[in-house]
Amino acid sequence: MARKTTPRTTGRSTRTTTGRGLEKAGVAAQEVPQAQQGEVVERPGTATTSQPAGPTQEQIAQRAHEIWIRHGCPFGEDRENWFEAEAELKREMGVR
């Protein structure tokens, strides 16, 4: 049975065991894709089941501003515009 590789933490740095565990699983170390900062890389033999991320606050704020202008710049409807913007963006992104 292949051992699952997990990050080892020593002090402040995090190291991931890539060689021995993957070779036992039948995957050569050079076949494993390397991630850039902030990027998610699918490892061989793993399945991704995560939902798409929702809209960022910056995206919602920009859309809320567009809605505010579209509605004629009314006073006191900022919360309604925010929720409408969030709902529109989630629909467009296919997020529940």
Protein backbone atom coordinates (compact mmCIF):
# COMPACT_ATOMS: atom_id res chain seq x y z
CA MET A 1 0.00 0.00 0.00
CA ALA A 2 1.41 3.41 -0.98
CA ARG A 3 1.99 5.92 1.77
CA LYS A 4 0.21 9.22 1.48
CA THR A 5 2.63 12.14 1.31
CA THR A 6 1.92 15.00 3.68
CA PRO A 7 3.76 18.26 4.34
CA ARG A 8 6.22 18.18 7.25
CA THR A 9 6.52 21.31 9.31
CA THR A 10 9.83 22.23 10.89
CA GLY A 11 9.87 25.60 12.59
CA ARG A 12 8.50 28.18 10.20
CA SER A 13 9.17 26.48 6.88
CA THR A 14 7.08 23.74 5.31
CA ARG A 15 8.67 20.94 3.30
CA THR A 16 6.76 18.36 1.29
CA THR A 17 8.06 14.86 0.82
CA THR A 18 7.99 14.25 -2.92
CA GLY A 19 10.49 11.53 -3.76
CA ARG A 20 10.05 8.28 -1.86
CA GLY A 21 6.28 8.34 -1.30
CA LEU A 22 5.48 9.13 -4.91
CA GLU A 23 7.92 6.58 -6.29
CA LYS A 24 6.27 3.91 -4.14
CA ALA A 25 2.93 4.98 -5.63
CA GLY A 26 4.37 4.50 -9.12
CA VAL A 27 4.85 8.19 -9.91
CA ALA A 28 8.33 9.48 -10.69
CA ALA A 29 9.24 12.72 -8.93
CA GLN A 30 9.82 14.57 -12.23
CA GLU A 31 6.23 13.80 -13.35
CA VAL A 32 4.71 15.77 -10.46
CA PRO A 33 3.73 19.30 -11.57
CA GLN A 34 5.07 22.16 -9.49
CA ALA A 35 2.72 24.95 -8.37
CA GLN A 36 3.41 28.63 -8.75
CA GLN A 37 2.53 30.86 -5.82
CA GLY A 38 -1.24 30.83 -5.25
CA GLU A 39 -1.87 28.17 -7.91
CA VAL A 40 -3.56 24.83 -7.29
CA VAL A 41 -2.00 21.90 -9.12
CA GLU A 42 -3.77 18.56 -9.48
CA ARG A 43 -1.50 15.70 -8.50
CA PRO A 44 -1.57 12.50 -10.57
CA GLY A 45 -4.17 10.08 -9.29
CA THR A 46 -6.16 12.68 -7.35
CA ALA A 47 -9.62 14.01 -8.07
CA THR A 48 -10.74 17.56 -7.50
CA THR A 49 -14.27 17.95 -6.20
CA SER A 50 -14.21 21.56 -5.03
CA GLN A 51 -16.87 24.06 -6.04
CA PRO A 52 -15.78 27.12 -8.02
CA ALA A 53 -14.87 30.00 -5.73
CA GLY A 54 -17.41 32.76 -5.36
CA PRO A 55 -16.92 36.36 -6.40
CA THR A 56 -14.37 38.47 -4.55
CA GLN A 57 -15.39 41.50 -2.51
CA GLU A 58 -13.73 43.72 -5.11
CA GLN A 59 -15.85 42.17 -7.90
CA ILE A 60 -19.02 42.56 -5.83
CA ALA A 61 -18.19 46.20 -4.98
CA GLN A 62 -17.58 47.02 -8.65
CA ARG A 63 -20.85 45.37 -9.72
CA ALA A 64 -22.76 47.09 -6.87
CA HIS A 65 -21.42 50.42 -8.11
CA GLU A 66 -22.61 49.61 -11.64
CA ILE A 67 -26.05 48.69 -10.26
CA TRP A 68 -26.15 51.92 -8.25
CA ILE A 69 -25.46 53.93 -11.41
CA ARG A 70 -27.96 51.85 -13.43
CA HIS A 71 -30.67 52.63 -10.83
CA GLY A 72 -30.00 56.38 -11.02
CA CYS A 73 -27.65 56.78 -8.02
CA PRO A 74 -30.33 56.57 -5.29
CA PHE A 75 -29.40 57.31 -1.69
CA GLY A 76 -29.56 54.56 0.96
CA GLU A 77 -29.76 51.44 -1.22
CA ASP A 78 -26.15 50.32 -0.82
CA ARG A 79 -27.00 47.04 0.97
CA GLU A 80 -29.62 46.11 -1.62
CA ASN A 81 -27.16 46.88 -4.43
CA TRP A 82 -24.49 44.75 -2.73
CA PHE A 83 -26.77 41.73 -2.37
CA GLU A 84 -28.07 42.12 -5.93
CA ALA A 85 -24.49 42.34 -7.24
CA GLU A 86 -23.44 39.27 -5.28
CA ALA A 87 -26.42 37.27 -6.57
CA GLU A 88 -25.77 38.33 -10.19
CA LEU A 89 -22.09 37.37 -10.01
CA LYS A 90 -22.83 34.01 -8.38
CA ARG A 91 -25.35 33.21 -11.11
CA GLU A 92 -22.83 34.15 -13.80
CA MET A 93 -20.10 32.04 -12.16
CA GLY A 94 -22.39 29.07 -11.54
CA VAL A 95 -21.85 29.20 -7.77
CA ARG A 96 -24.61 28.33 -5.33
